[in-house]
Amino acid sequence: MSERRELYRDTNGDAWFLGREPANGHAFIIHQPNAPSGGRLTHIELGDFLRSEPKGPEHQALLRLIGTLVNVPPYA
């Protein structure tokens, strides 16, 4: 079973998660549509997700999370 962290949930109930397979560390995006849309999970490779258009708030949420991994001193 994969581990996951919620990135973004829109007002319609769609949710995007950053997932990781614990056995091999492989990371991916999980999209969970709202129930009226079927609610069927989709796994998306990170590169495919970042290249997809249009760029939405779920993309910005992933980029913000990635940015927290870099410890950069403030600009003088």
PDB file of N, CA and C in Angstrom:
ATOM      1  N   MET A   1       0.850  -1.193   0.000  1.00  0.00           N
ATOM      2  CA  MET A   1       0.000   0.000   0.000  1.00  0.00           C
ATOM      3  C   MET A   1       0.887   1.245   0.000  1.00  0.00           C
ATOM      4  N   SER A   2       0.532   2.226  -0.798  1.00  0.00           N
ATOM      5  CA  SER A   2       1.328   3.448  -0.893  1.00  0.00           C
ATOM      6  C   SER A   2       0.993   4.404   0.245  1.00  0.00           C
ATOM      7  N   GLU A   3       1.962   5.245   0.569  1.00  0.00           N
ATOM      8  CA  GLU A   3       1.763   6.326   1.521  1.00  0.00           C
ATOM      9  C   GLU A   3       1.350   7.539   0.709  1.00  0.00           C
ATOM     10  N   ARG A   4       0.604   8.462   1.336  1.00  0.00           N
ATOM     11  CA  ARG A   4       0.228   9.657   0.581  1.00  0.00           C
ATOM     12  C   ARG A   4       0.041  10.853   1.509  1.00  0.00           C
ATOM     13  N   ARG A   5       0.209  12.032   0.902  1.00  0.00           N
ATOM     14  CA  ARG A   5       0.039  13.305   1.605  1.00  0.00           C
ATOM     15  C   ARG A   5      -0.826  14.190   0.735  1.00  0.00           C
ATOM     16  N   GLU A   6      -1.866  14.750   1.309  1.00  0.00           N
ATOM     17  CA  GLU A   6      -2.758  15.605   0.528  1.00  0.00           C
ATOM     18  C   GLU A   6      -2.039  16.884   0.136  1.00  0.00           C
ATOM     19  N   LEU A   7      -2.136  17.209  -1.170  1.00  0.00           N
ATOM     20  CA  LEU A   7      -1.570  18.449  -1.693  1.00  0.00           C
ATOM     21  C   LEU A   7      -2.620  19.535  -1.783  1.00  0.00           C
ATOM     22  N   TYR A   8      -3.787  19.152  -2.303  1.00  0.00           N
ATOM     23  CA  TYR A   8      -4.818  20.159  -2.593  1.00  0.00           C
ATOM     24  C   TYR A   8      -6.174  19.483  -2.694  1.00  0.00           C
ATOM     25  N   ARG A   9      -7.203  20.183  -2.230  1.00  0.00           N
ATOM     26  CA  ARG A   9      -8.591  19.736  -2.370  1.00  0.00           C
ATOM     27  C   ARG A   9      -9.403  20.941  -2.842  1.00  0.00           C
ATOM     28  N   ASP A  10     -10.105  20.792  -3.961  1.00  0.00           N
ATOM     29  CA  ASP A  10     -10.870  21.933  -4.478  1.00  0.00           C
ATOM     30  C   ASP A  10     -12.284  21.954  -3.893  1.00  0.00           C
ATOM     31  N   THR A  11     -13.004  23.009  -4.199  1.00  0.00           N
ATOM     32  CA  THR A  11     -14.343  23.191  -3.634  1.00  0.00           C
ATOM     33  C   THR A  11     -15.347  22.174  -4.146  1.00  0.00           C
ATOM     34  N   ASN A  12     -15.036  21.522  -5.271  1.00  0.00           N
ATOM     35  CA  ASN A  12     -15.916  20.474  -5.803  1.00  0.00           C
ATOM     36  C   ASN A  12     -15.659  19.116  -5.165  1.00  0.00           C
ATOM     37  N   GLY A  13     -14.609  19.014  -4.351  1.00  0.00           N
ATOM     38  CA  GLY A  13     -14.300  17.763  -3.679  1.00  0.00           C
ATOM     39  C   GLY A  13     -13.222  16.932  -4.337  1.00  0.00           C
ATOM     40  N   ASP A  14     -12.671  17.380  -5.482  1.00  0.00           N
ATOM     41  CA  ASP A  14     -11.537  16.675  -6.082  1.00  0.00           C
ATOM     42  C   ASP A  14     -10.329  16.857  -5.167  1.00  0.00           C
ATOM     43  N   ALA A  15      -9.493  15.830  -5.068  1.00  0.00           N
ATOM     44  CA  ALA A  15      -8.306  15.914  -4.217  1.00  0.00           C
ATOM     45  C   ALA A  15      -7.098  15.374  -4.963  1.00  0.00           C
ATOM     46  N   TRP A  16      -5.942  15.968  -4.680  1.00  0.00           N
ATOM     47  CA  TRP A  16      -4.665  15.545  -5.244  1.00  0.00           C
ATOM     48  C   TRP A  16      -3.735  15.233  -4.087  1.00  0.00           C
ATOM     49  N   PHE A  17      -3.016  14.129  -4.202  1.00  0.00           N
ATOM     50  CA  PHE A  17      -2.098  13.677  -3.172  1.00  0.00           C
ATOM     51  C   PHE A  17      -0.739  13.399  -3.792  1.00  0.00           C
ATOM     52  N   LEU A  18       0.312  13.586  -2.993  1.00  0.00           N
ATOM     53  CA  LEU A  18       1.626  13.099  -3.366  1.00  0.00           C
ATOM     54  C   LEU A  18       1.734  11.725  -2.735  1.00  0.00           C
ATOM     55  N   GLY A  19       1.932  10.719  -3.563  1.00  0.00           N
ATOM     56  CA  GLY A  19       2.028   9.352  -3.083  1.00  0.00           C
ATOM     57  C   GLY A  19       3.443   8.823  -3.200  1.00  0.00           C
ATOM     58  N   ARG A  20       3.738   7.822  -2.380  1.00  0.00           N
ATOM     59  CA  ARG A  20       5.059   7.202  -2.423  1.00  0.00           C
ATOM     60  C   ARG A  20       4.897   5.726  -2.127  1.00  0.00           C
ATOM     61  N   GLU A  21       5.531   4.922  -2.943  1.00  0.00           N
ATOM     62  CA  GLU A  21       5.533   3.476  -2.735  1.00  0.00           C
ATOM     63  C   GLU A  21       6.643   3.161  -1.736  1.00  0.00           C
ATOM     64  N   PRO A  22       6.311   2.705  -0.518  1.00  0.00           N
ATOM     65  CA  PRO A  22       7.345   2.490   0.503  1.00  0.00           C
ATOM     66  C   PRO A  22       8.404   1.460   0.111  1.00  0.00           C
ATOM     67  N   ALA A  23       8.038   0.481  -0.680  1.00  0.00           N
ATOM     68  CA  ALA A  23       8.984  -0.584  -1.028  1.00  0.00           C
ATOM     69  C   ALA A  23      10.150  -0.080  -1.868  1.00  0.00           C
ATOM     70  N   ASN A  24       9.889   0.897  -2.759  1.00  0.00           N
ATOM     71  CA  ASN A  24      10.955   1.354  -3.657  1.00  0.00           C
ATOM     72  C   ASN A  24      11.152   2.873  -3.659  1.00  0.00           C
ATOM     73  N   GLY A  25      10.342   3.625  -2.915  1.00  0.00           N
ATOM     74  CA  GLY A  25      10.474   5.075  -2.836  1.00  0.00           C
ATOM     75  C   GLY A  25       9.924   5.824  -4.030  1.00  0.00           C
ATOM     76  N   HIS A  26       9.331   5.133  -5.001  1.00  0.00           N
ATOM     77  CA  HIS A  26       8.778   5.764  -6.203  1.00  0.00           C
ATOM     78  C   HIS A  26       7.661   6.734  -5.818  1.00  0.00           C
ATOM     79  N   ALA A  27       7.780   7.990  -6.249  1.00  0.00           N
ATOM     80  CA  ALA A  27       6.784   9.018  -5.939  1.00  0.00           C
ATOM     81  C   ALA A  27       5.907   9.284  -7.159  1.00  0.00           C
ATOM     82  N   PHE A  28       4.663   9.659  -6.920  1.00  0.00           N
ATOM     83  CA  PHE A  28       3.697   9.914  -7.981  1.00  0.00           C
ATOM     84  C   PHE A  28       2.567  10.766  -7.422  1.00  0.00           C
ATOM     85  N   ILE A  29       1.714  11.256  -8.301  1.00  0.00           N
ATOM     86  CA  ILE A  29       0.529  12.028  -7.912  1.00  0.00           C
ATOM     87  C   ILE A  29      -0.681  11.106  -7.981  1.00  0.00           C
ATOM     88  N   ILE A  30      -1.551  11.246  -6.996  1.00  0.00           N
ATOM     89  CA  ILE A  30      -2.825  10.536  -6.990  1.00  0.00           C
ATOM     90  C   ILE A  30      -3.923  11.583  -7.121  1.00  0.00           C
ATOM     91  N   HIS A  31      -4.782  11.434  -8.119  1.00  0.00           N
ATOM     92  CA  HIS A  31      -5.944  12.318  -8.268  1.00  0.00           C
ATOM     93  C   HIS A  31      -7.177  11.517  -7.894  1.00  0.00           C
ATOM     94  N   GLN A  32      -7.953  12.071  -6.972  1.00  0.00           N
ATOM     95  CA  GLN A  32      -9.208  11.445  -6.565  1.00  0.00           C
ATOM     96  C   GLN A  32     -10.352  12.395  -6.900  1.00  0.00           C
ATOM     97  N   PRO A  33     -11.088  12.119  -7.984  1.00  0.00           N
ATOM     98  CA  PRO A  33     -12.224  12.973  -8.324  1.00  0.00           C
ATOM     99  C   PRO A  33     -13.313  12.865  -7.260  1.00  0.00           C
ATOM    100  N   ASN A  34     -14.200  13.823  -7.272  1.00  0.00           N
ATOM    101  CA  ASN A  34     -15.307  13.776  -6.325  1.00  0.00           C
ATOM    102  C   ASN A  34     -16.238  12.603  -6.651  1.00  0.00           C
ATOM    103  N   ALA A  35     -17.105  12.268  -5.724  1.00  0.00           N
ATOM    104  CA  ALA A  35     -17.995  11.112  -5.883  1.00  0.00           C
ATOM    105  C   ALA A  35     -18.883  11.203  -7.127  1.00  0.00           C
ATOM    106  N   PRO A  36     -19.513  12.372  -7.431  1.00  0.00           N
ATOM    107  CA  PRO A  36     -20.342  12.442  -8.633  1.00  0.00           C
ATOM    108  C   PRO A  36     -19.576  12.186  -9.929  1.00  0.00           C
ATOM    109  N   SER A  37     -18.250  12.399  -9.905  1.00  0.00           N
ATOM    110  CA  SER A  37     -17.422  12.138 -11.087  1.00  0.00           C
ATOM    111  C   SER A  37     -16.920  10.697 -11.126  1.00  0.00           C
ATOM    112  N   GLY A  38     -17.304   9.921 -10.175  1.00  0.00           N
ATOM    113  CA  GLY A  38     -16.895   8.518 -10.147  1.00  0.00           C
ATOM    114  C   GLY A  38     -15.938   8.188  -9.021  1.00  0.00           C
ATOM    115  N   GLY A  39     -15.172   9.175  -8.551  1.00  0.00           N
ATOM    116  CA  GLY A  39     -14.273   8.979  -7.429  1.00  0.00           C
ATOM    117  C   GLY A  39     -13.151   7.987  -7.651  1.00  0.00           C
ATOM    118  N   ARG A  40     -12.922   7.574  -8.891  1.00  0.00           N
ATOM    119  CA  ARG A  40     -11.891   6.567  -9.181  1.00  0.00           C
ATOM    120  C   ARG A  40     -10.504   7.198  -9.161  1.00  0.00           C
ATOM    121  N   LEU A  41      -9.599   6.641  -8.361  1.00  0.00           N
ATOM    122  CA  LEU A  41      -8.243   7.156  -8.228  1.00  0.00           C
ATOM    123  C   LEU A  41      -7.459   6.992  -9.515  1.00  0.00           C
ATOM    124  N   THR A  42      -6.646   8.004  -9.830  1.00  0.00           N
ATOM    125  CA  THR A  42      -5.735   7.959 -10.963  1.00  0.00           C
ATOM    126  C   THR A  42      -4.330   8.222 -10.445  1.00  0.00           C
ATOM    127  N   HIS A  43      -3.373   7.385 -10.820  1.00  0.00           N
ATOM    128  CA  HIS A  43      -1.972   7.605 -10.488  1.00  0.00           C
ATOM    129  C   HIS A  43      -1.300   8.263 -11.687  1.00  0.00           C
ATOM    130  N   ILE A  44      -0.568   9.354 -11.426  1.00  0.00           N
ATOM    131  CA  ILE A  44       0.062  10.139 -12.484  1.00  0.00           C
ATOM    132  C   ILE A  44       1.555  10.269 -12.167  1.00  0.00           C
ATOM    133  N   GLU A  45       2.404   9.949 -13.131  1.00  0.00           N
ATOM    134  CA  GLU A  45       3.841  10.145 -12.950  1.00  0.00           C
ATOM    135  C   GLU A  45       4.110  11.626 -12.685  1.00  0.00           C
ATOM    136  N   LEU A  46       5.098  11.924 -11.838  1.00  0.00           N
ATOM    137  CA  LEU A  46       5.393  13.315 -11.481  1.00  0.00           C
ATOM    138  C   LEU A  46       5.699  14.177 -12.697  1.00  0.00           C
ATOM    139  N   GLY A  47       6.522  13.688 -13.610  1.00  0.00           N
ATOM    140  CA  GLY A  47       6.861  14.461 -14.806  1.00  0.00           C
ATOM    141  C   GLY A  47       5.642  14.755 -15.656  1.00  0.00           C
ATOM    142  N   ASP A  48       4.796  13.758 -15.837  1.00  0.00           N
ATOM    143  CA  ASP A  48       3.565  13.952 -16.616  1.00  0.00           C
ATOM    144  C   ASP A  48       2.666  14.987 -15.949  1.00  0.00           C
ATOM    145  N   PHE A  49       2.563  14.923 -14.633  1.00  0.00           N
ATOM    146  CA  PHE A  49       1.730  15.870 -13.895  1.00  0.00           C
ATOM    147  C   PHE A  49       2.249  17.298 -14.057  1.00  0.00           C
ATOM    148  N   LEU A  50       3.542  17.470 -13.903  1.00  0.00           N
ATOM    149  CA  LEU A  50       4.115  18.813 -14.000  1.00  0.00           C
ATOM    150  C   LEU A  50       4.065  19.382 -15.415  1.00  0.00           C
ATOM    151  N   ARG A  51       4.057  18.521 -16.426  1.00  0.00           N
ATOM    152  CA  ARG A  51       3.961  18.989 -17.815  1.00  0.00           C
ATOM    153  C   ARG A  51       2.522  19.231 -18.259  1.00  0.00           C
ATOM    154  N   SER A  52       1.565  18.718 -17.521  1.00  0.00           N
ATOM    155  CA  SER A  52       0.166  18.804 -17.962  1.00  0.00           C
ATOM    156  C   SER A  52      -0.342  20.243 -17.929  1.00  0.00           C
ATOM    157  N   GLU A  53      -1.257  20.518 -18.804  1.00  0.00           N
ATOM    158  CA  GLU A  53      -1.906  21.832 -18.902  1.00  0.00           C
ATOM    159  C   GLU A  53      -3.404  21.641 -18.722  1.00  0.00           C
ATOM    160  N   PRO A  54      -4.116  22.591 -18.213  1.00  0.00           N
ATOM    161  CA  PRO A  54      -3.626  23.846 -17.646  1.00  0.00           C
ATOM    162  C   PRO A  54      -3.027  23.618 -16.264  1.00  0.00           C
ATOM    163  N   LYS A  55      -2.176  24.534 -15.859  1.00  0.00           N
ATOM    164  CA  LYS A  55      -1.578  24.480 -14.531  1.00  0.00           C
ATOM    165  C   LYS A  55      -2.597  25.019 -13.535  1.00  0.00           C
ATOM    166  N   GLY A  56      -2.921  24.223 -12.551  1.00  0.00           N
ATOM    167  CA  GLY A  56      -3.908  24.622 -11.556  1.00  0.00           C
ATOM    168  C   GLY A  56      -3.299  24.772 -10.180  1.00  0.00           C
ATOM    169  N   PRO A  57      -4.121  25.048  -9.202  1.00  0.00           N
ATOM    170  CA  PRO A  57      -3.625  25.217  -7.831  1.00  0.00           C
ATOM    171  C   PRO A  57      -2.989  23.942  -7.280  1.00  0.00           C
ATOM    172  N   GLU A  58      -3.373  22.786  -7.812  1.00  0.00           N
ATOM    173  CA  GLU A  58      -2.749  21.540  -7.367  1.00  0.00           C
ATOM    174  C   GLU A  58      -1.280  21.482  -7.787  1.00  0.00           C
ATOM    175  N   HIS A  59      -0.951  22.082  -8.939  1.00  0.00           N
ATOM    176  CA  HIS A  59       0.448  22.166  -9.376  1.00  0.00           C
ATOM    177  C   HIS A  59       1.231  23.092  -8.445  1.00  0.00           C
ATOM    178  N   GLN A  60       0.634  24.223  -8.118  1.00  0.00           N
ATOM    179  CA  GLN A  60       1.290  25.169  -7.217  1.00  0.00           C
ATOM    180  C   GLN A  60       1.529  24.550  -5.847  1.00  0.00           C
ATOM    181  N   ALA A  61       0.584  23.746  -5.375  1.00  0.00           N
ATOM    182  CA  ALA A  61       0.738  23.086  -4.073  1.00  0.00           C
ATOM    183  C   ALA A  61       1.931  22.132  -4.096  1.00  0.00           C
ATOM    184  N   LEU A  62       2.102  21.389  -5.185  1.00  0.00           N
ATOM    185  CA  LEU A  62       3.245  20.481  -5.297  1.00  0.00           C
ATOM    186  C   LEU A  62       4.545  21.279  -5.343  1.00  0.00           C
ATOM    187  N   LEU A  63       4.580  22.347  -6.104  1.00  0.00           N
ATOM    188  CA  LEU A  63       5.795  23.157  -6.192  1.00  0.00           C
ATOM    189  C   LEU A  63       6.149  23.784  -4.847  1.00  0.00           C
ATOM    190  N   ARG A  64       5.149  24.225  -4.077  1.00  0.00           N
ATOM    191  CA  ARG A  64       5.406  24.762  -2.736  1.00  0.00           C
ATOM    192  C   ARG A  64       6.000  23.682  -1.835  1.00  0.00           C
ATOM    193  N   LEU A  65       5.443  22.464  -1.906  1.00  0.00           N
ATOM    194  CA  LEU A  65       5.963  21.367  -1.099  1.00  0.00           C
ATOM    195  C   LEU A  65       7.405  21.058  -1.473  1.00  0.00           C
ATOM    196  N   ILE A  66       7.697  20.998  -2.768  1.00  0.00           N
ATOM    197  CA  ILE A  66       9.070  20.757  -3.212  1.00  0.00           C
ATOM    198  C   ILE A  66       9.989  21.861  -2.692  1.00  0.00           C
ATOM    199  N   GLY A  67       9.507  23.093  -2.707  1.00  0.00           N
ATOM    200  CA  GLY A  67      10.310  24.215  -2.229  1.00  0.00           C
ATOM    201  C   GLY A  67      10.676  24.115  -0.760  1.00  0.00           C
ATOM    202  N   THR A  68       9.861  23.432   0.032  1.00  0.00           N
ATOM    203  CA  THR A  68      10.178  23.285   1.457  1.00  0.00           C
ATOM    204  C   THR A  68      11.353  22.331   1.684  1.00  0.00           C
ATOM    205  N   LEU A  69      11.738  21.584   0.665  1.00  0.00           N
ATOM    206  CA  LEU A  69      12.835  20.640   0.802  1.00  0.00           C
ATOM    207  C   LEU A  69      14.203  21.302   0.666  1.00  0.00           C
ATOM    208  N   VAL A  70      14.208  22.555   0.225  1.00  0.00           N
ATOM    209  CA  VAL A  70      15.455  23.283   0.004  1.00  0.00           C
ATOM    210  C   VAL A  70      15.597  24.354   1.073  1.00  0.00           C
ATOM    211  N   ASN A  71      16.683  24.287   1.802  1.00  0.00           N
ATOM    212  CA  ASN A  71      16.943  25.267   2.857  1.00  0.00           C
ATOM    213  C   ASN A  71      17.826  26.363   2.272  1.00  0.00           C
ATOM    214  N   VAL A  72      17.207  27.479   1.918  1.00  0.00           N
ATOM    215  CA  VAL A  72      17.914  28.587   1.289  1.00  0.00           C
ATOM    216  C   VAL A  72      17.908  29.767   2.243  1.00  0.00           C
ATOM    217  N   PRO A  73      19.092  30.371   2.498  1.00  0.00           N
ATOM    218  CA  PRO A  73      19.105  31.541   3.374  1.00  0.00           C
ATOM    219  C   PRO A  73      18.365  32.709   2.732  1.00  0.00           C
ATOM    220  N   PRO A  74      17.767  33.566   3.544  1.00  0.00           N
ATOM    221  CA  PRO A  74      17.051  34.721   2.970  1.00  0.00           C
ATOM    222  C   PRO A  74      18.010  35.658   2.237  1.00  0.00           C
ATOM    223  N   TYR A  75      17.456  36.323   1.234  1.00  0.00           N
ATOM    224  CA  TYR A  75      18.259  37.290   0.473  1.00  0.00           C
ATOM    225  C   TYR A  75      18.569  38.507   1.330  1.00  0.00           C
ATOM    226  N   ALA A  76      19.774  39.050   1.172  1.00  0.00           N
ATOM    227  CA  ALA A  76      20.198  40.213   1.952  1.00  0.00           C
ATOM    228  C   ALA A  76      19.689  41.480   1.308  1.00  0.00           C
TER     229      ALA A  76
END
